[in-house]
Amino acid sequence: DPGTVAAEVWRNERMPSVSGLELTGSHADADAMSIEGTMQFTATKLL
């Protein structure tokens, strides 16, 4: 609900984005991305 989104979130945090990258690992416990507490996280065109 837009009414629950704090002003500082709209100003500083809206729609964090990642696009057009290849991500791989050379460690058995390597992850690509951890995502926490975000508003409108957007991921496109990733390998």
All heavy atoms as atom14 arrays in JSON, in Angstrom:
{
  "sequence": "DPGTVAAEVWRNERMPSVSGLELTGSHADADAMSIEGTMQFTATKLL",
  "atom14_mask": [
    [1, 1, 1, 1, 1, 1, 1, 1, 0, 0, 0, 0, 0, 0],
    [1, 1, 1, 1, 1, 1, 1, 0, 0, 0, 0, 0, 0, 0],
    [1, 1, 1, 1, 0, 0, 0, 0, 0, 0, 0, 0, 0, 0],
    [1, 1, 1, 1, 1, 1, 1, 0, 0, 0, 0, 0, 0, 0],
    [1, 1, 1, 1, 1, 1, 1, 0, 0, 0, 0, 0, 0, 0],
    [1, 1, 1, 1, 1, 0, 0, 0, 0, 0, 0, 0, 0, 0],
    [1, 1, 1, 1, 1, 0, 0, 0, 0, 0, 0, 0, 0, 0],
    [1, 1, 1, 1, 1, 1, 1, 1, 1, 0, 0, 0, 0, 0],
    [1, 1, 1, 1, 1, 1, 1, 0, 0, 0, 0, 0, 0, 0],
    [1, 1, 1, 1, 1, 1, 1, 1, 1, 1, 1, 1, 1, 1],
    [1, 1, 1, 1, 1, 1, 1, 1, 1, 1, 1, 0, 0, 0],
    [1, 1, 1, 1, 1, 1, 1, 1, 0, 0, 0, 0, 0, 0],
    [1, 1, 1, 1, 1, 1, 1, 1, 1, 0, 0, 0, 0, 0],
    [1, 1, 1, 1, 1, 1, 1, 1, 1, 1, 1, 0, 0, 0],
    [1, 1, 1, 1, 1, 1, 1, 1, 0, 0, 0, 0, 0, 0],
    [1, 1, 1, 1, 1, 1, 1, 0, 0, 0, 0, 0, 0, 0],
    [1, 1, 1, 1, 1, 1, 0, 0, 0, 0, 0, 0, 0, 0],
    [1, 1, 1, 1, 1, 1, 1, 0, 0, 0, 0, 0, 0, 0],
    [1, 1, 1, 1, 1, 1, 0, 0, 0, 0, 0, 0, 0, 0],
    [1, 1, 1, 1, 0, 0, 0, 0, 0, 0, 0, 0, 0, 0],
    [1, 1, 1, 1, 1, 1, 1, 1, 0, 0, 0, 0, 0, 0],
    [1, 1, 1, 1, 1, 1, 1, 1, 1, 0, 0, 0, 0, 0],
    [1, 1, 1, 1, 1, 1, 1, 1, 0, 0, 0, 0, 0, 0],
    [1, 1, 1, 1, 1, 1, 1, 0, 0, 0, 0, 0, 0, 0],
    [1, 1, 1, 1, 0, 0, 0, 0, 0, 0, 0, 0, 0, 0],
    [1, 1, 1, 1, 1, 1, 0, 0, 0, 0, 0, 0, 0, 0],
    [1, 1, 1, 1, 1, 1, 1, 1, 1, 1, 0, 0, 0, 0],
    [1, 1, 1, 1, 1, 0, 0, 0, 0, 0, 0, 0, 0, 0],
    [1, 1, 1, 1, 1, 1, 1, 1, 0, 0, 0, 0, 0, 0],
    [1, 1, 1, 1, 1, 0, 0, 0, 0, 0, 0, 0, 0, 0],
    [1, 1, 1, 1, 1, 1, 1, 1, 0, 0, 0, 0, 0, 0],
    [1, 1, 1, 1, 1, 0, 0, 0, 0, 0, 0, 0, 0, 0],
    [1, 1, 1, 1, 1, 1, 1, 1, 0, 0, 0, 0, 0, 0],
    [1, 1, 1, 1, 1, 1, 0, 0, 0, 0, 0, 0, 0, 0],
    [1, 1, 1, 1, 1, 1, 1, 1, 0, 0, 0, 0, 0, 0],
    [1, 1, 1, 1, 1, 1, 1, 1, 1, 0, 0, 0, 0, 0],
    [1, 1, 1, 1, 0, 0, 0, 0, 0, 0, 0, 0, 0, 0],
    [1, 1, 1, 1, 1, 1, 1, 0, 0, 0, 0, 0, 0, 0],
    [1, 1, 1, 1, 1, 1, 1, 1, 0, 0, 0, 0, 0, 0],
    [1, 1, 1, 1, 1, 1, 1, 1, 1, 0, 0, 0, 0, 0],
    [1, 1, 1, 1, 1, 1, 1, 1, 1, 1, 1, 0, 0, 0],
    [1, 1, 1, 1, 1, 1, 1, 0, 0, 0, 0, 0, 0, 0],
    [1, 1, 1, 1, 1, 0, 0, 0, 0, 0, 0, 0, 0, 0],
    [1, 1, 1, 1, 1, 1, 1, 0, 0, 0, 0, 0, 0, 0],
    [1, 1, 1, 1, 1, 1, 1, 1, 1, 0, 0, 0, 0, 0],
    [1, 1, 1, 1, 1, 1, 1, 1, 0, 0, 0, 0, 0, 0],
    [1, 1, 1, 1, 1, 1, 1, 1, 0, 0, 0, 0, 0, 0]
  ],
  "atom14_positions": [
    [[0.85, -1.19, 0.0], [0.0, 0.0, 0.0], [0.89, 1.25, 0.0], [1.74, 1.41, 0.87], [-0.88, -0.02, 1.25], [-1.89, 1.12, 1.3], [-1.62, 2.19, 0.7], [-2.94, 0.95, 1.94], [0.0, 0.0, 0.0], [0.0, 0.0, 0.0], [0.0, 0.0, 0.0], [0.0, 0.0, 0.0], [0.0, 0.0, 0.0], [0.0, 0.0, 0.0]],
    [[0.72, 2.16, -0.98], [1.57, 3.36, -1.03], [1.57, 4.15, 0.27], [2.58, 4.78, 0.62], [0.97, 4.17, -2.17], [0.28, 3.18, -3.04], [-0.23, 2.12, -2.12], [0.0, 0.0, 0.0], [0.0, 0.0, 0.0], [0.0, 0.0, 0.0], [0.0, 0.0, 0.0], [0.0, 0.0, 0.0], [0.0, 0.0, 0.0], [0.0, 0.0, 0.0]],
    [[0.45, 4.12, 1.0], [0.38, 4.88, 2.24], [1.28, 4.36, 3.34], [1.5, 5.06, 4.33], [0.0, 0.0, 0.0], [0.0, 0.0, 0.0], [0.0, 0.0, 0.0], [0.0, 0.0, 0.0], [0.0, 0.0, 0.0], [0.0, 0.0, 0.0], [0.0, 0.0, 0.0], [0.0, 0.0, 0.0], [0.0, 0.0, 0.0], [0.0, 0.0, 0.0]],
    [[1.81, 3.15, 3.16], [2.69, 2.57, 4.19], [4.17, 2.72, 3.84], [5.02, 2.26, 4.6], [2.38, 1.08, 4.39], [2.81, 0.34, 3.23], [0.91, 0.85, 4.63], [0.0, 0.0, 0.0], [0.0, 0.0, 0.0], [0.0, 0.0, 0.0], [0.0, 0.0, 0.0], [0.0, 0.0, 0.0], [0.0, 0.0, 0.0], [0.0, 0.0, 0.0]],
    [[4.46, 3.33, 2.7], [5.86, 3.47, 2.28], [6.41, 4.78, 2.82], [5.91, 5.86, 2.48], [5.98, 3.43, 0.74], [7.46, 3.52, 0.33], [5.35, 2.15, 0.19], [0.0, 0.0, 0.0], [0.0, 0.0, 0.0], [0.0, 0.0, 0.0], [0.0, 0.0, 0.0], [0.0, 0.0, 0.0], [0.0, 0.0, 0.0], [0.0, 0.0, 0.0]],
    [[7.43, 4.69, 3.63], [8.01, 5.89, 4.25], [8.65, 6.79, 3.2], [9.15, 6.33, 2.18], [9.06, 5.48, 5.28], [0.0, 0.0, 0.0], [0.0, 0.0, 0.0], [0.0, 0.0, 0.0], [0.0, 0.0, 0.0], [0.0, 0.0, 0.0], [0.0, 0.0, 0.0], [0.0, 0.0, 0.0], [0.0, 0.0, 0.0], [0.0, 0.0, 0.0]],
    [[8.65, 8.08, 3.48], [9.18, 9.06, 2.53], [10.64, 8.78, 2.19], [11.06, 8.91, 1.03], [9.03, 10.47, 3.1], [0.0, 0.0, 0.0], [0.0, 0.0, 0.0], [0.0, 0.0, 0.0], [0.0, 0.0, 0.0], [0.0, 0.0, 0.0], [0.0, 0.0, 0.0], [0.0, 0.0, 0.0], [0.0, 0.0, 0.0], [0.0, 0.0, 0.0]],
    [[11.42, 8.36, 3.18], [12.83, 8.1, 2.91], [13.03, 6.86, 2.04], [14.02, 6.77, 1.29], [13.62, 7.95, 4.21], [13.14, 6.88, 5.16], [12.12, 7.42, 6.17], [11.46, 8.45, 5.88], [12.0, 6.8, 7.24], [0.0, 0.0, 0.0], [0.0, 0.0, 0.0], [0.0, 0.0, 0.0], [0.0, 0.0, 0.0], [0.0, 0.0, 0.0]],
    [[12.09, 5.92, 2.09], [12.17, 4.76, 1.2], [11.92, 5.19, -0.24], [12.64, 4.8, -1.17], [11.18, 3.66, 1.64], [11.1, 2.55, 0.6], [11.6, 3.09, 2.99], [0.0, 0.0, 0.0], [0.0, 0.0, 0.0], [0.0, 0.0, 0.0], [0.0, 0.0, 0.0], [0.0, 0.0, 0.0], [0.0, 0.0, 0.0], [0.0, 0.0, 0.0]],
    [[10.89, 6.02, -0.46], [10.65, 6.54, -1.82], [11.85, 7.33, -2.32], [12.23, 7.26, -3.48], [9.41, 7.42, -1.85], [8.1, 6.68, -1.94], [7.03, 6.84, -1.1], [7.72, 5.69, -2.88], [6.01, 6.01, -1.47], [6.4, 5.29, -2.57], [8.36, 5.08, -3.96], [5.7, 4.32, -3.3], [7.68, 4.12, -4.7], [6.37, 3.75, -4.36]],
    [[12.46, 8.09, -1.44], [13.54, 8.97, -1.86], [14.83, 8.2, -2.14], [15.52, 8.46, -3.12], [13.79, 10.03, -0.78], [14.87, 11.05, -1.13], [14.95, 12.17, -0.09], [15.24, 11.67, 1.23], [14.37, 11.64, 2.24], [13.12, 12.08, 2.07], [14.72, 11.18, 3.44], [0.0, 0.0, 0.0], [0.0, 0.0, 0.0], [0.0, 0.0, 0.0]],
    [[15.16, 7.24, -1.28], [16.48, 6.61, -1.34], [16.5, 5.16, -1.82], [17.55, 4.68, -2.24], [17.13, 6.64, 0.05], [17.41, 8.02, 0.54], [17.56, 8.95, -0.25], [17.46, 8.18, 1.85], [0.0, 0.0, 0.0], [0.0, 0.0, 0.0], [0.0, 0.0, 0.0], [0.0, 0.0, 0.0], [0.0, 0.0, 0.0], [0.0, 0.0, 0.0]],
    [[15.36, 4.46, -1.75], [15.43, 3.01, -1.88], [14.55, 2.42, -2.98], [14.65, 1.23, -3.26], [15.06, 2.36, -0.54], [15.93, 2.8, 0.61], [15.55, 2.13, 1.93], [15.0, 1.01, 1.88], [15.78, 2.72, 2.99], [0.0, 0.0, 0.0], [0.0, 0.0, 0.0], [0.0, 0.0, 0.0], [0.0, 0.0, 0.0], [0.0, 0.0, 0.0]],
    [[13.69, 3.22, -3.6], [12.74, 2.63, -4.55], [13.46, 2.04, -5.76], [14.45, 2.54, -6.24], [11.69, 3.66, -4.98], [12.06, 4.56, -6.15], [13.18, 5.55, -5.85], [13.52, 6.35, -7.01], [14.37, 5.97, -7.95], [14.93, 4.78, -7.88], [14.63, 6.75, -8.97], [0.0, 0.0, 0.0], [0.0, 0.0, 0.0], [0.0, 0.0, 0.0]],
    [[12.96, 0.91, -6.2], [13.37, 0.19, -7.4], [14.88, 0.01, -7.56], [15.46, 0.44, -8.55], [12.8, 0.84, -8.66], [12.68, -0.14, -9.82], [11.94, 0.58, -11.3], [13.28, 1.59, -11.92], [0.0, 0.0, 0.0], [0.0, 0.0, 0.0], [0.0, 0.0, 0.0], [0.0, 0.0, 0.0], [0.0, 0.0, 0.0], [0.0, 0.0, 0.0]],
    [[15.55, -0.63, -6.62], [16.94, -1.03, -6.87], [16.95, -2.03, -8.03], [16.11, -2.93, -8.09], [17.36, -1.67, -5.55], [16.08, -2.09, -4.9], [15.05, -1.11, -5.32], [0.0, 0.0, 0.0], [0.0, 0.0, 0.0], [0.0, 0.0, 0.0], [0.0, 0.0, 0.0], [0.0, 0.0, 0.0], [0.0, 0.0, 0.0], [0.0, 0.0, 0.0]],
    [[17.89, -1.87, -8.95], [17.82, -2.62, -10.21], [19.17, -3.22, -10.57], [20.23, -2.65, -10.31], [17.37, -1.69, -11.35], [16.12, -1.1, -11.05], [0.0, 0.0, 0.0], [0.0, 0.0, 0.0], [0.0, 0.0, 0.0], [0.0, 0.0, 0.0], [0.0, 0.0, 0.0], [0.0, 0.0, 0.0], [0.0, 0.0, 0.0], [0.0, 0.0, 0.0]],
    [[19.1, -4.37, -11.23], [20.3, -5.0, -11.79], [19.92, -5.6, -13.14], [18.88, -6.25, -13.27], [20.88, -6.05, -10.82], [19.84, -7.1, -10.44], [22.11, -6.71, -11.4], [0.0, 0.0, 0.0], [0.0, 0.0, 0.0], [0.0, 0.0, 0.0], [0.0, 0.0, 0.0], [0.0, 0.0, 0.0], [0.0, 0.0, 0.0], [0.0, 0.0, 0.0]],
    [[20.77, -5.38, -14.15], [20.42, -5.8, -15.5], [21.67, -6.05, -16.34], [22.67, -5.36, -16.2], [19.57, -4.7, -16.17], [19.24, -5.03, -17.5], [0.0, 0.0, 0.0], [0.0, 0.0, 0.0], [0.0, 0.0, 0.0], [0.0, 0.0, 0.0], [0.0, 0.0, 0.0], [0.0, 0.0, 0.0], [0.0, 0.0, 0.0], [0.0, 0.0, 0.0]],
    [[21.58, -7.06, -17.21], [22.58, -7.26, -18.24], [23.92, -7.77, -17.77], [24.95, -7.49, -18.4], [0.0, 0.0, 0.0], [0.0, 0.0, 0.0], [0.0, 0.0, 0.0], [0.0, 0.0, 0.0], [0.0, 0.0, 0.0], [0.0, 0.0, 0.0], [0.0, 0.0, 0.0], [0.0, 0.0, 0.0], [0.0, 0.0, 0.0], [0.0, 0.0, 0.0]],
    [[23.95, -8.56, -16.69], [25.19, -9.08, -16.15], [25.2, -10.6, -16.12], [24.15, -11.24, -15.98], [25.42, -8.56, -14.73], [25.57, -7.05, -14.55], [25.62, -6.71, -13.07], [26.81, -6.53, -15.27], [0.0, 0.0, 0.0], [0.0, 0.0, 0.0], [0.0, 0.0, 0.0], [0.0, 0.0, 0.0], [0.0, 0.0, 0.0], [0.0, 0.0, 0.0]],
    [[26.38, -11.18, -16.22], [26.6, -12.6, -15.94], [27.19, -12.72, -14.56], [28.17, -12.03, -14.23], [27.55, -13.22, -16.97], [27.91, -14.67, -16.66], [28.98, -15.22, -17.58], [29.42, -14.5, -18.5], [29.39, -16.39, -17.36], [0.0, 0.0, 0.0], [0.0, 0.0, 0.0], [0.0, 0.0, 0.0], [0.0, 0.0, 0.0], [0.0, 0.0, 0.0]],
    [[26.61, -13.6, -13.73], [27.13, -13.84, -12.38], [27.41, -15.33, -12.24], [26.53, -16.17, -12.5], [26.14, -13.39, -11.32], [25.88, -11.88, -11.28], [24.53, -11.56, -11.9], [25.93, -11.35, -9.86], [0.0, 0.0, 0.0], [0.0, 0.0, 0.0], [0.0, 0.0, 0.0], [0.0, 0.0, 0.0], [0.0, 0.0, 0.0], [0.0, 0.0, 0.0]],
    [[28.62, -15.64, -11.81], [29.0, -17.03, -11.61], [29.9, -17.11, -10.38], [30.26, -16.08, -9.8], [29.69, -17.6, -12.86], [29.88, -19.01, -12.7], [31.02, -16.92, -13.12], [0.0, 0.0, 0.0], [0.0, 0.0, 0.0], [0.0, 0.0, 0.0], [0.0, 0.0, 0.0], [0.0, 0.0, 0.0], [0.0, 0.0, 0.0], [0.0, 0.0, 0.0]],
    [[30.23, -18.32, -9.96], [31.01, -18.48, -8.74], [32.09, -19.53, -8.88], [31.96, -20.48, -9.66], [0.0, 0.0, 0.0], [0.0, 0.0, 0.0], [0.0, 0.0, 0.0], [0.0, 0.0, 0.0], [0.0, 0.0, 0.0], [0.0, 0.0, 0.0], [0.0, 0.0, 0.0], [0.0, 0.0, 0.0], [0.0, 0.0, 0.0], [0.0, 0.0, 0.0]],
    [[33.17, -19.36, -8.12], [34.23, -20.37, -8.06], [34.32, -20.97, -6.67], [35.28, -21.69, -6.38], [35.57, -19.76, -8.48], [35.93, -18.69, -7.62], [0.0, 0.0, 0.0], [0.0, 0.0, 0.0], [0.0, 0.0, 0.0], [0.0, 0.0, 0.0], [0.0, 0.0, 0.0], [0.0, 0.0, 0.0], [0.0, 0.0, 0.0], [0.0, 0.0, 0.0]],
    [[33.35, -20.67, -5.81], [33.28, -21.23, -4.46], [31.96, -21.99, -4.32], [30.94, -21.55, -4.83], [33.35, -20.11, -3.42], [33.55, -20.58, -2.01], [32.53, -21.17, -1.27], [34.65, -20.55, -1.21], [32.99, -21.48, -0.07], [34.27, -21.13, -0.01], [0.0, 0.0, 0.0], [0.0, 0.0, 0.0], [0.0, 0.0, 0.0], [0.0, 0.0, 0.0]],
    [[31.99, -23.13, -3.64], [30.81, -23.98, -3.54], [29.63, -23.29, -2.87], [28.47, -23.62, -3.14], [31.15, -25.27, -2.79], [0.0, 0.0, 0.0], [0.0, 0.0, 0.0], [0.0, 0.0, 0.0], [0.0, 0.0, 0.0], [0.0, 0.0, 0.0], [0.0, 0.0, 0.0], [0.0, 0.0, 0.0], [0.0, 0.0, 0.0], [0.0, 0.0, 0.0]],
    [[29.9, -22.31, -1.99], [28.84, -21.62, -1.26], [28.65, -20.18, -1.72], [28.17, -19.34, -0.97], [29.14, -21.65, 0.24], [29.08, -23.06, 0.8], [28.27, -23.87, 0.32], [29.87, -23.37, 1.72], [0.0, 0.0, 0.0], [0.0, 0.0, 0.0], [0.0, 0.0, 0.0], [0.0, 0.0, 0.0], [0.0, 0.0, 0.0], [0.0, 0.0, 0.0]],
    [[29.02, -19.91, -2.95], [28.81, -18.57, -3.5], [27.38, -18.45, -4.04], [26.9, -19.33, -4.75], [29.8, -18.31, -4.62], [0.0, 0.0, 0.0], [0.0, 0.0, 0.0], [0.0, 0.0, 0.0], [0.0, 0.0, 0.0], [0.0, 0.0, 0.0], [0.0, 0.0, 0.0], [0.0, 0.0, 0.0], [0.0, 0.0, 0.0], [0.0, 0.0, 0.0]],
    [[26.7, -17.38, -3.67], [25.37, -17.07, -4.18], [25.45, -15.84, -5.07], [26.39, -15.04, -4.96], [24.39, -16.78, -3.04], [24.18, -17.97, -2.12], [24.37, -19.12, -2.57], [23.81, -17.76, -0.95], [0.0, 0.0, 0.0], [0.0, 0.0, 0.0], [0.0, 0.0, 0.0], [0.0, 0.0, 0.0], [0.0, 0.0, 0.0], [0.0, 0.0, 0.0]],
    [[24.44, -15.66, -5.92], [24.43, -14.47, -6.77], [24.02, -13.23, -5.97], [24.79, -12.29, -5.85], [23.51, -14.67, -7.97], [0.0, 0.0, 0.0], [0.0, 0.0, 0.0], [0.0, 0.0, 0.0], [0.0, 0.0, 0.0], [0.0, 0.0, 0.0], [0.0, 0.0, 0.0], [0.0, 0.0, 0.0], [0.0, 0.0, 0.0], [0.0, 0.0, 0.0]],
    [[22.79, -13.25, -5.41], [22.3, -12.06, -4.72], [21.42, -12.44, -3.55], [20.6, -13.36, -3.64], [21.5, -11.18, -5.67], [22.31, -10.63, -6.81], [21.42, -9.36, -7.71], [22.51, -9.23, -9.13], [0.0, 0.0, 0.0], [0.0, 0.0, 0.0], [0.0, 0.0, 0.0], [0.0, 0.0, 0.0], [0.0, 0.0, 0.0], [0.0, 0.0, 0.0]],
    [[21.57, -11.69, -2.47], [20.67, -11.73, -1.32], [19.89, -10.42, -1.31], [20.47, -9.35, -1.5], [21.47, -11.91, -0.04], [20.63, -11.79, 1.1], [0.0, 0.0, 0.0], [0.0, 0.0, 0.0], [0.0, 0.0, 0.0], [0.0, 0.0, 0.0], [0.0, 0.0, 0.0], [0.0, 0.0, 0.0], [0.0, 0.0, 0.0], [0.0, 0.0, 0.0]],
    [[18.57, -10.52, -1.09], [17.7, -9.35, -1.21], [16.82, -9.28, 0.03], [16.08, -10.2, 0.33], [16.83, -9.45, -2.48], [17.72, -9.61, -3.72], [15.91, -8.25, -2.62], [17.2, -10.62, -4.7], [0.0, 0.0, 0.0], [0.0, 0.0, 0.0], [0.0, 0.0, 0.0], [0.0, 0.0, 0.0], [0.0, 0.0, 0.0], [0.0, 0.0, 0.0]],
    [[16.93, -8.15, 0.76], [16.23, -8.0, 2.04], [15.74, -6.56, 2.2], [16.49, -5.61, 1.94], [17.18, -8.35, 3.18], [16.68, -7.99, 4.56], [17.78, -8.04, 5.62], [18.78, -8.74, 5.42], [17.62, -7.34, 6.65], [0.0, 0.0, 0.0], [0.0, 0.0, 0.0], [0.0, 0.0, 0.0], [0.0, 0.0, 0.0], [0.0, 0.0, 0.0]],
    [[14.49, -6.41, 2.6], [13.96, -5.1, 2.96], [13.75, -4.15, 1.8], [13.65, -2.94, 2.0], [0.0, 0.0, 0.0], [0.0, 0.0, 0.0], [0.0, 0.0, 0.0], [0.0, 0.0, 0.0], [0.0, 0.0, 0.0], [0.0, 0.0, 0.0], [0.0, 0.0, 0.0], [0.0, 0.0, 0.0], [0.0, 0.0, 0.0], [0.0, 0.0, 0.0]],
    [[13.66, -4.68, 0.57], [13.6, -3.8, -0.59], [12.16, -3.5, -1.0], [11.23, -4.25, -0.71], [14.33, -4.4, -1.8], [13.66, -5.6, -2.23], [15.77, -4.71, -1.45], [0.0, 0.0, 0.0], [0.0, 0.0, 0.0], [0.0, 0.0, 0.0], [0.0, 0.0, 0.0], [0.0, 0.0, 0.0], [0.0, 0.0, 0.0], [0.0, 0.0, 0.0]],
    [[12.02, -2.4, -1.72], [10.76, -2.0, -2.33], [10.97, -1.9, -3.84], [11.79, -1.1, -4.29], [10.29, -0.65, -1.76], [9.01, -0.11, -2.36], [7.6, -1.19, -2.0], [6.27, -0.22, -2.74], [0.0, 0.0, 0.0], [0.0, 0.0, 0.0], [0.0, 0.0, 0.0], [0.0, 0.0, 0.0], [0.0, 0.0, 0.0], [0.0, 0.0, 0.0]],
    [[10.33, -2.76, -4.6], [10.36, -2.75, -6.07], [11.71, -3.2, -6.63], [12.18, -2.67, -7.65], [9.98, -1.37, -6.61], [8.6, -0.91, -6.17], [8.29, 0.53, -6.51], [9.2, 1.34, -6.65], [7.0, 0.85, -6.66], [0.0, 0.0, 0.0], [0.0, 0.0, 0.0], [0.0, 0.0, 0.0], [0.0, 0.0, 0.0], [0.0, 0.0, 0.0]],
    [[12.33, -4.18, -6.01], [13.57, -4.74, -6.57], [13.26, -5.31, -7.96], [12.3, -6.05, -8.15], [14.12, -5.83, -5.67], [15.4, -6.43, -6.17], [16.61, -5.84, -5.9], [15.37, -7.58, -6.95], [17.8, -6.38, -6.37], [16.55, -8.14, -7.43], [17.77, -7.54, -7.15], [0.0, 0.0, 0.0], [0.0, 0.0, 0.0], [0.0, 0.0, 0.0]],
    [[14.14, -4.99, -8.93], [13.9, -5.38, -10.32], [15.17, -6.01, -10.89], [16.24, -5.38, -10.89], [13.5, -4.16, -11.16], [12.31, -3.58, -10.61], [13.23, -4.56, -12.6], [0.0, 0.0, 0.0], [0.0, 0.0, 0.0], [0.0, 0.0, 0.0], [0.0, 0.0, 0.0], [0.0, 0.0, 0.0], [0.0, 0.0, 0.0], [0.0, 0.0, 0.0]],
    [[15.04, -7.25, -11.38], [16.17, -7.97, -11.99], [15.78, -8.38, -13.4], [14.76, -9.05, -13.6], [16.54, -9.19, -11.16], [0.0, 0.0, 0.0], [0.0, 0.0, 0.0], [0.0, 0.0, 0.0], [0.0, 0.0, 0.0], [0.0, 0.0, 0.0], [0.0, 0.0, 0.0], [0.0, 0.0, 0.0], [0.0, 0.0, 0.0], [0.0, 0.0, 0.0]],
    [[16.6, -7.98, -14.39], [16.3, -8.31, -15.78], [17.59, -8.69, -16.52], [18.67, -8.2, -16.22], [15.65, -7.13, -16.52], [16.53, -5.99, -16.48], [14.32, -6.75, -15.89], [0.0, 0.0, 0.0], [0.0, 0.0, 0.0], [0.0, 0.0, 0.0], [0.0, 0.0, 0.0], [0.0, 0.0, 0.0], [0.0, 0.0, 0.0], [0.0, 0.0, 0.0]],
    [[17.43, -9.57, -17.49], [18.49, -9.92, -18.44], [19.78, -10.35, -17.74], [20.88, -9.92, -18.08], [18.77, -8.74, -19.39], [17.57, -8.36, -20.23], [17.87, -7.2, -21.15], [16.63, -6.82, -21.97], [16.88, -5.66, -22.86], [0.0, 0.0, 0.0], [0.0, 0.0, 0.0], [0.0, 0.0, 0.0], [0.0, 0.0, 0.0], [0.0, 0.0, 0.0]],
    [[19.63, -11.24, -16.76], [20.78, -11.78, -16.05], [21.06, -13.21, -16.48], [20.13, -13.97, -16.81], [20.54, -11.76, -14.54], [20.23, -10.42, -13.89], [19.97, -10.62, -12.39], [21.34, -9.42, -14.11], [0.0, 0.0, 0.0], [0.0, 0.0, 0.0], [0.0, 0.0, 0.0], [0.0, 0.0, 0.0], [0.0, 0.0, 0.0], [0.0, 0.0, 0.0]],
    [[22.33, -13.6, -16.46], [22.73, -14.99, -16.53], [23.38, -15.33, -15.2], [24.41, -14.76, -14.83], [23.72, -15.22, -17.67], [24.46, -16.58, -17.66], [23.47, -17.74, -17.71], [25.46, -16.66, -18.81], [0.0, 0.0, 0.0], [0.0, 0.0, 0.0], [0.0, 0.0, 0.0], [0.0, 0.0, 0.0], [0.0, 0.0, 0.0], [0.0, 0.0, 0.0]]
  ]
}
